[in-house]
């Protein structure tokens, strides 16, 4: 696997890199050698955060963990990704175009049971054109963590969502 390691508000020391290689390296049994692993280490006050993103064709596998010790965060994130891979293996590998990122032994292993995703509720609603700020206000009024709206400027469907620290994010489609 090819690692791309970066840091925000932290110097990525050789010992941190070694910890990443050792812990995240356990995932090598699932992926082909040419799979890229993007690792971002960051520090905010007492929060030591690691974000791991693994782009596989057609999907993205992503996990983040926060603790007061970066080495603990690194340990935790590897477990989360491994759990995701086992849980969604059939869905990831059923897309034939995505399976080339995974080792053949992982794809052919049938020991893990696949949990079916059940959609239990469907909502239909009219999408009113508005700007992102108005969508954030609507989201707050509804008490939701995200809000889907038609952007009045671009006429595209967008999503605003709450982030940590009382900030907001905007998702715009890219075709």
N, C-alpha and C. Protein backbone atom coordinates (compact mmCIF):
# COMPACT_ATOMS: atom_id res chain seq x y z
N UNK A 1 0.85 -1.17 0.00
CA UNK A 1 0.00 0.00 0.00
C UNK A 1 0.90 1.23 0.00
N UNK A 2 0.40 2.26 -0.65
CA UNK A 2 1.14 3.52 -0.70
C UNK A 2 0.50 4.50 0.29
N UNK A 3 1.32 5.02 1.18
CA UNK A 3 0.84 5.92 2.22
C UNK A 3 1.10 7.37 1.83
N UNK A 4 0.10 8.21 2.06
CA UNK A 4 0.26 9.66 1.93
C UNK A 4 -0.10 10.21 3.30
N UNK A 5 0.92 10.60 4.06
CA UNK A 5 0.72 11.04 5.44
C UNK A 5 0.97 12.53 5.54
N UNK A 6 0.02 13.25 6.12
CA UNK A 6 0.17 14.68 6.31
C UNK A 6 -0.25 15.05 7.73
N UNK A 7 0.13 16.24 8.15
CA UNK A 7 -0.19 16.70 9.49
C UNK A 7 -0.74 18.11 9.50
N UNK A 8 -1.67 18.36 10.40
CA UNK A 8 -2.23 19.70 10.63
C UNK A 8 -1.95 20.06 12.08
N UNK A 9 -1.22 21.12 12.29
CA UNK A 9 -0.85 21.57 13.63
C UNK A 9 -0.02 20.53 14.38
N UNK A 10 0.70 19.71 13.64
CA UNK A 10 1.54 18.67 14.25
C UNK A 10 2.68 18.34 13.30
N UNK A 11 3.87 18.11 13.86
CA UNK A 11 4.98 17.61 13.07
C UNK A 11 4.86 16.10 13.01
N UNK A 12 4.82 15.57 11.82
CA UNK A 12 4.70 14.13 11.66
C UNK A 12 6.10 13.54 11.81
N UNK A 13 6.37 13.03 13.01
CA UNK A 13 7.69 12.49 13.33
C UNK A 13 7.83 11.09 12.75
N UNK A 14 9.07 10.61 12.75
CA UNK A 14 9.31 9.25 12.25
C UNK A 14 8.60 8.21 13.12
N UNK A 15 8.51 8.46 14.43
CA UNK A 15 7.83 7.50 15.30
C UNK A 15 6.33 7.46 15.01
N UNK A 16 5.73 8.61 14.68
CA UNK A 16 4.32 8.61 14.29
C UNK A 16 4.13 7.88 12.97
N UNK A 17 5.03 8.13 12.02
CA UNK A 17 4.94 7.43 10.73
C UNK A 17 5.07 5.92 10.94
N UNK A 18 6.01 5.52 11.79
CA UNK A 18 6.20 4.10 12.07
C UNK A 18 4.94 3.50 12.68
N UNK A 19 4.31 4.22 13.61
CA UNK A 19 3.07 3.73 14.22
C UNK A 19 1.97 3.58 13.17
N UNK A 20 1.88 4.53 12.25
CA UNK A 20 0.88 4.45 11.18
C UNK A 20 1.17 3.24 10.29
N UNK A 21 2.44 3.08 9.88
CA UNK A 21 2.80 1.95 9.02
C UNK A 21 2.49 0.62 9.70
N UNK A 22 2.78 0.52 11.00
CA UNK A 22 2.57 -0.74 11.71
C UNK A 22 1.08 -1.04 11.89
N UNK A 23 0.31 -0.04 12.33
CA UNK A 23 -1.10 -0.27 12.62
C UNK A 23 -1.92 -0.36 11.33
N UNK A 24 -1.82 0.65 10.49
CA UNK A 24 -2.60 0.66 9.25
C UNK A 24 -2.08 -0.43 8.30
N UNK A 25 -0.82 -0.79 8.47
CA UNK A 25 -0.23 -1.85 7.66
C UNK A 25 -0.93 -3.19 7.84
N UNK A 26 -1.64 -3.36 8.96
CA UNK A 26 -2.40 -4.60 9.17
C UNK A 26 -3.49 -4.76 8.11
N UNK A 27 -3.86 -3.65 7.47
CA UNK A 27 -4.90 -3.70 6.44
C UNK A 27 -4.37 -4.23 5.11
N UNK A 28 -3.05 -4.45 5.02
CA UNK A 28 -2.46 -4.94 3.77
C UNK A 28 -3.05 -6.27 3.34
N UNK A 29 -3.57 -7.03 4.29
CA UNK A 29 -4.15 -8.33 3.92
C UNK A 29 -5.43 -8.17 3.11
N UNK A 30 -6.01 -6.97 3.09
CA UNK A 30 -7.24 -6.73 2.34
C UNK A 30 -6.99 -6.08 0.98
N UNK A 31 -5.94 -5.25 0.89
CA UNK A 31 -5.76 -4.40 -0.29
C UNK A 31 -4.57 -4.84 -1.15
N UNK A 32 -4.64 -4.47 -2.42
CA UNK A 32 -3.52 -4.72 -3.32
C UNK A 32 -2.41 -3.71 -3.01
N UNK A 33 -1.18 -4.00 -3.41
CA UNK A 33 -0.05 -3.12 -3.08
C UNK A 33 -0.16 -1.71 -3.67
N UNK A 34 -0.91 -1.53 -4.76
CA UNK A 34 -0.98 -0.20 -5.36
C UNK A 34 -2.11 0.66 -4.81
N UNK A 35 -2.78 0.21 -3.74
CA UNK A 35 -3.85 0.99 -3.11
C UNK A 35 -3.24 2.14 -2.31
N UNK A 36 -3.81 3.34 -2.49
CA UNK A 36 -3.34 4.52 -1.75
C UNK A 36 -4.11 4.67 -0.44
N UNK A 37 -3.39 5.01 0.61
CA UNK A 37 -3.98 5.27 1.92
C UNK A 37 -3.62 6.71 2.28
N UNK A 38 -4.63 7.56 2.43
CA UNK A 38 -4.41 8.95 2.81
C UNK A 38 -4.63 9.07 4.32
N UNK A 39 -3.60 9.51 5.04
CA UNK A 39 -3.66 9.62 6.49
C UNK A 39 -3.37 11.08 6.87
N UNK A 40 -4.29 11.67 7.64
CA UNK A 40 -4.09 13.04 8.12
C UNK A 40 -4.12 13.01 9.64
N UNK A 41 -3.04 13.46 10.25
CA UNK A 41 -2.94 13.57 11.69
C UNK A 41 -3.13 15.03 12.05
N UNK A 42 -3.95 15.33 13.06
CA UNK A 42 -4.16 16.73 13.43
C UNK A 42 -4.33 16.86 14.94
N UNK A 43 -4.03 18.06 15.41
CA UNK A 43 -4.14 18.36 16.84
C UNK A 43 -4.92 19.65 16.99
N UNK A 44 -5.95 19.61 17.85
CA UNK A 44 -6.72 20.79 18.23
C UNK A 44 -6.87 20.73 19.75
N UNK A 45 -6.26 21.64 20.45
CA UNK A 45 -6.25 21.64 21.91
C UNK A 45 -5.79 20.27 22.41
N UNK A 46 -6.63 19.55 23.15
CA UNK A 46 -6.23 18.23 23.67
C UNK A 46 -6.70 17.10 22.78
N UNK A 47 -7.23 17.43 21.62
CA UNK A 47 -7.78 16.42 20.71
C UNK A 47 -6.72 15.99 19.70
N UNK A 48 -6.38 14.72 19.73
CA UNK A 48 -5.42 14.13 18.79
C UNK A 48 -6.23 13.31 17.80
N UNK A 49 -6.31 13.76 16.55
CA UNK A 49 -7.21 13.14 15.59
C UNK A 49 -6.45 12.54 14.42
N UNK A 50 -6.91 11.37 13.97
CA UNK A 50 -6.39 10.75 12.76
C UNK A 50 -7.57 10.51 11.82
N UNK A 51 -7.38 10.87 10.57
CA UNK A 51 -8.37 10.60 9.52
C UNK A 51 -7.69 9.72 8.48
N UNK A 52 -8.35 8.63 8.13
CA UNK A 52 -7.82 7.71 7.12
C UNK A 52 -8.85 7.61 6.01
N UNK A 53 -8.40 7.85 4.78
CA UNK A 53 -9.27 7.76 3.61
C UNK A 53 -8.61 6.82 2.61
N UNK A 54 -9.38 5.85 2.14
CA UNK A 54 -8.88 4.88 1.17
C UNK A 54 -9.81 4.92 -0.04
N UNK A 55 -9.38 5.60 -1.10
CA UNK A 55 -10.23 5.61 -2.29
C UNK A 55 -10.10 4.30 -3.05
N UNK A 56 -11.22 3.64 -3.25
CA UNK A 56 -11.27 2.46 -4.10
C UNK A 56 -12.24 2.82 -5.21
N UNK A 57 -12.01 2.32 -6.36
CA UNK A 57 -12.81 2.74 -7.51
C UNK A 57 -14.29 2.54 -7.22
N UNK A 58 -15.04 3.63 -7.29
CA UNK A 58 -16.47 3.57 -7.06
C UNK A 58 -16.89 3.82 -5.62
N UNK A 59 -15.96 3.83 -4.67
CA UNK A 59 -16.29 4.03 -3.26
C UNK A 59 -15.13 4.71 -2.54
N UNK A 60 -15.41 5.14 -1.33
CA UNK A 60 -14.37 5.68 -0.46
C UNK A 60 -14.57 5.04 0.90
N UNK A 61 -13.50 4.51 1.45
CA UNK A 61 -13.52 3.95 2.80
C UNK A 61 -12.86 5.00 3.68
N UNK A 62 -13.57 5.45 4.73
CA UNK A 62 -13.06 6.55 5.53
C UNK A 62 -13.39 6.31 6.99
N UNK A 63 -12.45 6.68 7.85
CA UNK A 63 -12.68 6.61 9.29
C UNK A 63 -11.84 7.69 9.96
N UNK A 64 -12.33 8.17 11.07
CA UNK A 64 -11.56 9.10 11.89
C UNK A 64 -11.76 8.75 13.35
N UNK A 65 -10.72 8.98 14.12
CA UNK A 65 -10.78 8.72 15.55
C UNK A 65 -10.09 9.86 16.28
N UNK A 66 -10.62 10.18 17.46
CA UNK A 66 -10.08 11.26 18.28
C UNK A 66 -9.86 10.74 19.69
N UNK A 67 -8.73 11.09 20.27
CA UNK A 67 -8.46 10.78 21.68
C UNK A 67 -7.48 11.84 22.19
N UNK A 68 -7.01 11.67 23.41
CA UNK A 68 -6.03 12.61 23.94
C UNK A 68 -4.61 12.14 23.67
N UNK A 69 -4.45 11.02 22.94
CA UNK A 69 -3.13 10.47 22.61
C UNK A 69 -3.17 10.00 21.16
N UNK A 70 -2.28 10.49 20.34
CA UNK A 70 -2.28 10.17 18.91
C UNK A 70 -2.09 8.69 18.66
N UNK A 71 -1.27 8.03 19.47
CA UNK A 71 -1.03 6.61 19.28
C UNK A 71 -2.29 5.79 19.56
N UNK A 72 -3.09 6.22 20.53
CA UNK A 72 -4.36 5.57 20.81
C UNK A 72 -5.31 5.77 19.63
N UNK A 73 -5.34 6.98 19.09
CA UNK A 73 -6.19 7.28 17.93
C UNK A 73 -5.81 6.39 16.75
N UNK A 74 -4.51 6.21 16.54
CA UNK A 74 -4.04 5.36 15.43
C UNK A 74 -4.50 3.93 15.64
N UNK A 75 -4.40 3.42 16.87
CA UNK A 75 -4.87 2.06 17.17
C UNK A 75 -6.37 1.92 16.89
N UNK A 76 -7.14 2.90 17.32
CA UNK A 76 -8.60 2.82 17.18
C UNK A 76 -9.05 2.88 15.73
N UNK A 77 -8.41 3.71 14.92
CA UNK A 77 -8.88 3.90 13.54
C UNK A 77 -8.68 2.64 12.71
N UNK A 78 -7.63 1.89 12.99
CA UNK A 78 -7.40 0.65 12.24
C UNK A 78 -8.53 -0.34 12.50
N UNK A 79 -8.96 -0.43 13.75
CA UNK A 79 -10.05 -1.33 14.11
C UNK A 79 -11.35 -0.94 13.41
N UNK A 80 -11.61 0.36 13.33
CA UNK A 80 -12.84 0.85 12.68
C UNK A 80 -12.85 0.49 11.20
N UNK A 81 -11.74 0.71 10.52
CA UNK A 81 -11.67 0.40 9.08
C UNK A 81 -11.83 -1.10 8.86
N UNK A 82 -11.19 -1.89 9.69
CA UNK A 82 -11.29 -3.34 9.54
C UNK A 82 -12.74 -3.80 9.72
N UNK A 83 -13.42 -3.22 10.70
CA UNK A 83 -14.83 -3.56 10.94
C UNK A 83 -15.69 -3.16 9.73
N UNK A 84 -15.43 -1.97 9.17
CA UNK A 84 -16.16 -1.53 7.98
C UNK A 84 -15.95 -2.48 6.82
N UNK A 85 -14.70 -2.89 6.61
CA UNK A 85 -14.40 -3.79 5.50
C UNK A 85 -15.13 -5.13 5.64
N UNK A 86 -15.13 -5.68 6.84
CA UNK A 86 -15.81 -6.96 7.05
C UNK A 86 -17.32 -6.80 6.85
N UNK A 87 -17.87 -5.71 7.36
CA UNK A 87 -19.32 -5.51 7.31
C UNK A 87 -19.81 -5.28 5.88
N UNK A 88 -19.08 -4.51 5.11
CA UNK A 88 -19.55 -4.12 3.78
C UNK A 88 -18.80 -4.82 2.65
N UNK A 89 -18.09 -5.90 2.97
CA UNK A 89 -17.28 -6.59 1.95
C UNK A 89 -18.08 -6.93 0.71
N UNK A 90 -19.22 -7.56 0.87
CA UNK A 90 -20.00 -7.97 -0.30
C UNK A 90 -20.46 -6.78 -1.12
N UNK A 91 -20.85 -5.72 -0.46
CA UNK A 91 -21.30 -4.55 -1.20
C UNK A 91 -20.14 -3.89 -1.95
N UNK A 92 -18.96 -3.85 -1.32
CA UNK A 92 -17.81 -3.26 -1.98
C UNK A 92 -17.33 -4.09 -3.16
N UNK A 93 -17.33 -5.41 -2.98
CA UNK A 93 -16.78 -6.27 -4.03
C UNK A 93 -17.81 -6.66 -5.08
N UNK A 94 -19.11 -6.46 -4.81
CA UNK A 94 -20.12 -6.73 -5.83
C UNK A 94 -20.00 -5.76 -6.99
N UNK A 95 -19.49 -4.58 -6.74
CA UNK A 95 -19.22 -3.65 -7.82
C UNK A 95 -17.92 -4.13 -8.46
N UNK A 96 -18.04 -4.79 -9.57
CA UNK A 96 -16.88 -5.42 -10.20
C UNK A 96 -15.74 -4.44 -10.41
N UNK A 97 -16.09 -3.17 -10.71
CA UNK A 97 -15.03 -2.19 -10.96
C UNK A 97 -14.25 -1.85 -9.70
N UNK A 98 -14.82 -2.08 -8.51
CA UNK A 98 -14.12 -1.75 -7.26
C UNK A 98 -13.27 -2.91 -6.76
N UNK A 99 -13.55 -4.11 -7.20
CA UNK A 99 -12.90 -5.27 -6.61
C UNK A 99 -11.41 -5.36 -6.91
N UNK A 100 -10.91 -4.63 -7.93
CA UNK A 100 -9.48 -4.74 -8.23
C UNK A 100 -8.60 -4.14 -7.15
N UNK A 101 -9.14 -3.36 -6.23
CA UNK A 101 -8.36 -2.80 -5.12
C UNK A 101 -8.16 -3.81 -4.00
N UNK A 102 -8.96 -4.87 -3.98
CA UNK A 102 -8.91 -5.82 -2.89
C UNK A 102 -8.20 -7.10 -3.30
N UNK A 103 -7.53 -7.71 -2.33
CA UNK A 103 -6.86 -8.98 -2.59
C UNK A 103 -7.89 -10.07 -2.84
N UNK A 104 -7.52 -11.01 -3.68
CA UNK A 104 -8.42 -12.09 -4.08
C UNK A 104 -8.88 -12.91 -2.87
N UNK A 105 -7.99 -13.14 -1.91
CA UNK A 105 -8.35 -13.93 -0.73
C UNK A 105 -9.45 -13.25 0.09
N UNK A 106 -9.42 -11.94 0.16
CA UNK A 106 -10.45 -11.19 0.89
C UNK A 106 -11.78 -11.29 0.17
N UNK A 107 -11.77 -11.18 -1.13
CA UNK A 107 -13.00 -11.24 -1.91
C UNK A 107 -13.64 -12.62 -1.82
N UNK A 108 -12.82 -13.66 -1.85
CA UNK A 108 -13.34 -15.02 -1.87
C UNK A 108 -13.67 -15.57 -0.50
N UNK A 109 -13.25 -14.89 0.59
CA UNK A 109 -13.53 -15.34 1.95
C UNK A 109 -15.01 -15.16 2.24
N UNK A 110 -15.71 -16.25 2.52
CA UNK A 110 -17.15 -16.18 2.78
C UNK A 110 -17.50 -16.42 4.25
N UNK A 111 -16.55 -16.24 5.14
CA UNK A 111 -16.81 -16.51 6.56
C UNK A 111 -17.61 -15.41 7.24
N UNK A 112 -17.52 -14.21 6.74
CA UNK A 112 -18.23 -13.10 7.37
C UNK A 112 -19.66 -13.03 6.84
N UNK A 113 -20.61 -12.79 7.73
CA UNK A 113 -21.99 -12.64 7.31
C UNK A 113 -22.24 -11.19 6.94
N UNK A 114 -22.97 -11.01 5.88
CA UNK A 114 -23.27 -9.68 5.38
C UNK A 114 -24.57 -9.19 6.01
N UNK A 115 -24.53 -8.03 6.64
CA UNK A 115 -25.74 -7.46 7.20
C UNK A 115 -26.45 -6.67 6.12
N UNK A 116 -27.72 -6.97 5.93
CA UNK A 116 -28.49 -6.25 4.92
C UNK A 116 -28.81 -4.85 5.41
N UNK A 117 -28.74 -3.92 4.51
CA UNK A 117 -29.13 -2.54 4.82
C UNK A 117 -30.63 -2.44 4.62
N UNK A 118 -31.34 -2.00 5.65
CA UNK A 118 -32.79 -1.89 5.58
C UNK A 118 -33.20 -0.42 5.63
N UNK A 119 -33.87 0.02 4.62
CA UNK A 119 -34.44 1.36 4.62
C UNK A 119 -35.82 1.24 5.25
N UNK A 120 -36.02 1.91 6.38
CA UNK A 120 -37.26 1.74 7.13
C UNK A 120 -38.21 2.93 6.96
N UNK A 121 -37.74 4.00 6.35
CA UNK A 121 -38.60 5.16 6.19
C UNK A 121 -38.19 5.92 4.94
N UNK A 122 -39.15 6.38 4.20
CA UNK A 122 -38.90 7.20 3.02
C UNK A 122 -39.68 8.49 3.16
N UNK A 123 -39.02 9.61 2.89
CA UNK A 123 -39.70 10.90 2.94
C UNK A 123 -39.68 11.52 1.56
N UNK A 124 -40.76 12.18 1.22
CA UNK A 124 -40.84 12.94 -0.02
C UNK A 124 -41.20 14.37 0.35
N UNK A 125 -40.54 15.31 -0.30
CA UNK A 125 -40.83 16.71 0.00
C UNK A 125 -40.45 17.57 -1.20
N UNK A 126 -41.11 18.71 -1.29
CA UNK A 126 -40.80 19.66 -2.35
C UNK A 126 -39.50 20.37 -2.01
N UNK A 127 -38.67 20.58 -3.00
CA UNK A 127 -37.40 21.27 -2.78
C UNK A 127 -37.53 22.70 -3.27
N UNK A 128 -37.49 23.62 -2.34
CA UNK A 128 -37.63 25.04 -2.65
C UNK A 128 -36.26 25.64 -2.97
N UNK A 129 -36.12 26.39 -4.06
CA UNK A 129 -34.83 27.05 -4.33
C UNK A 129 -34.49 28.06 -3.23
N UNK A 130 -33.24 28.01 -2.75
CA UNK A 130 -32.78 28.94 -1.72
C UNK A 130 -31.26 28.97 -1.74
N UNK A 131 -30.67 29.91 -1.00
CA UNK A 131 -29.22 29.93 -0.91
C UNK A 131 -28.79 29.11 0.31
N UNK A 132 -27.49 28.87 0.44
CA UNK A 132 -26.97 27.99 1.48
C UNK A 132 -27.27 28.53 2.89
N UNK A 133 -27.21 29.84 3.05
CA UNK A 133 -27.47 30.42 4.37
C UNK A 133 -28.92 30.17 4.80
N UNK A 134 -29.85 30.33 3.87
CA UNK A 134 -31.25 30.07 4.18
C UNK A 134 -31.46 28.59 4.50
N UNK A 135 -30.76 27.72 3.80
CA UNK A 135 -30.86 26.29 4.06
C UNK A 135 -30.36 25.97 5.47
N UNK A 136 -29.28 26.63 5.91
CA UNK A 136 -28.78 26.42 7.27
C UNK A 136 -29.82 26.84 8.31
N UNK A 137 -30.49 27.95 8.04
CA UNK A 137 -31.54 28.42 8.96
C UNK A 137 -32.68 27.40 9.02
N UNK A 138 -33.11 26.90 7.85
CA UNK A 138 -34.17 25.89 7.81
C UNK A 138 -33.76 24.63 8.57
N UNK A 139 -32.49 24.22 8.39
CA UNK A 139 -31.99 23.04 9.08
C UNK A 139 -32.07 23.24 10.60
N UNK A 140 -31.64 24.42 11.06
CA UNK A 140 -31.69 24.71 12.50
C UNK A 140 -33.13 24.72 13.01
N UNK A 141 -34.05 25.32 12.23
CA UNK A 141 -35.44 25.38 12.65
C UNK A 141 -36.06 23.98 12.76
N UNK A 142 -35.62 23.06 11.90
CA UNK A 142 -36.13 21.69 11.94
C UNK A 142 -35.42 20.83 12.98
N UNK A 143 -34.26 21.29 13.46
CA UNK A 143 -33.49 20.52 14.44
C UNK A 143 -32.79 19.33 13.83
N UNK A 144 -32.46 19.41 12.54
CA UNK A 144 -31.78 18.31 11.85
C UNK A 144 -30.28 18.55 11.79
N UNK A 145 -29.52 17.52 11.40
CA UNK A 145 -28.08 17.64 11.24
C UNK A 145 -27.69 17.91 9.80
N UNK A 146 -28.64 17.78 8.87
CA UNK A 146 -28.39 18.08 7.47
C UNK A 146 -29.68 18.56 6.83
N UNK A 147 -29.56 19.19 5.68
CA UNK A 147 -30.74 19.71 4.98
C UNK A 147 -30.47 19.69 3.48
N UNK A 148 -31.39 19.09 2.73
CA UNK A 148 -31.27 19.01 1.27
C UNK A 148 -32.08 20.15 0.67
N UNK A 149 -31.48 20.86 -0.30
CA UNK A 149 -32.17 22.00 -0.92
C UNK A 149 -31.69 22.19 -2.35
N UNK A 150 -32.48 22.93 -3.12
CA UNK A 150 -32.08 23.30 -4.48
C UNK A 150 -31.42 24.68 -4.39
N UNK A 151 -30.16 24.75 -4.81
CA UNK A 151 -29.41 25.98 -4.76
C UNK A 151 -29.98 26.96 -5.79
N UNK A 152 -30.45 28.11 -5.33
CA UNK A 152 -31.07 29.10 -6.21
C UNK A 152 -30.07 29.66 -7.22
N UNK A 153 -28.78 29.65 -6.90
CA UNK A 153 -27.76 30.20 -7.80
C UNK A 153 -27.38 29.23 -8.91
N UNK A 154 -27.32 27.93 -8.58
CA UNK A 154 -26.85 26.94 -9.56
C UNK A 154 -27.94 26.01 -10.06
N UNK A 155 -29.10 26.03 -9.39
CA UNK A 155 -30.23 25.16 -9.69
C UNK A 155 -29.90 23.67 -9.48
N UNK A 156 -28.83 23.37 -8.74
CA UNK A 156 -28.42 22.00 -8.42
C UNK A 156 -28.91 21.65 -7.02
N UNK A 157 -29.08 20.35 -6.77
CA UNK A 157 -29.43 19.88 -5.44
C UNK A 157 -28.16 19.89 -4.59
N UNK A 158 -28.20 20.54 -3.43
CA UNK A 158 -27.08 20.64 -2.51
C UNK A 158 -27.52 20.14 -1.14
N UNK A 159 -26.53 19.94 -0.27
CA UNK A 159 -26.79 19.54 1.11
C UNK A 159 -25.94 20.41 2.02
N UNK A 160 -26.57 20.96 3.06
CA UNK A 160 -25.79 21.61 4.12
C UNK A 160 -25.86 20.67 5.32
N UNK A 161 -24.79 20.70 6.13
CA UNK A 161 -24.75 19.81 7.28
C UNK A 161 -23.99 20.48 8.41
N UNK A 162 -24.30 20.03 9.63
CA UNK A 162 -23.62 20.54 10.82
C UNK A 162 -22.29 19.85 10.97
N UNK A 163 -21.29 20.62 11.35
CA UNK A 163 -19.97 20.09 11.66
C UNK A 163 -19.70 20.33 13.13
N UNK A 164 -18.64 19.74 13.62
CA UNK A 164 -18.25 19.97 15.00
C UNK A 164 -17.83 21.42 15.16
N UNK A 165 -18.05 21.97 16.33
CA UNK A 165 -17.63 23.34 16.60
C UNK A 165 -18.60 24.38 16.07
N UNK A 166 -19.87 24.03 15.96
CA UNK A 166 -20.90 24.96 15.47
C UNK A 166 -20.57 25.59 14.12
N UNK A 167 -20.06 24.78 13.22
CA UNK A 167 -19.81 25.23 11.86
C UNK A 167 -20.68 24.40 10.92
N UNK A 168 -20.71 24.81 9.66
CA UNK A 168 -21.55 24.15 8.67
C UNK A 168 -20.71 23.74 7.47
N UNK A 169 -21.19 22.73 6.78
CA UNK A 169 -20.56 22.29 5.54
C UNK A 169 -21.59 22.33 4.43
N UNK A 170 -21.11 22.43 3.20
CA UNK A 170 -21.96 22.45 2.02
C UNK A 170 -21.48 21.40 1.06
N UNK A 171 -22.37 20.56 0.59
CA UNK A 171 -22.01 19.55 -0.41
C UNK A 171 -22.67 19.96 -1.72
N UNK A 172 -21.82 20.16 -2.72
CA UNK A 172 -22.29 20.50 -4.06
C UNK A 172 -21.95 19.35 -5.00
N UNK A 173 -22.86 18.97 -5.89
CA UNK A 173 -22.55 17.86 -6.80
C UNK A 173 -21.49 18.26 -7.80
N UNK A 174 -20.71 17.27 -8.22
CA UNK A 174 -19.70 17.50 -9.24
C UNK A 174 -19.86 16.41 -10.29
N UNK A 175 -20.22 16.81 -11.48
CA UNK A 175 -20.46 15.83 -12.53
C UNK A 175 -19.38 15.88 -13.58
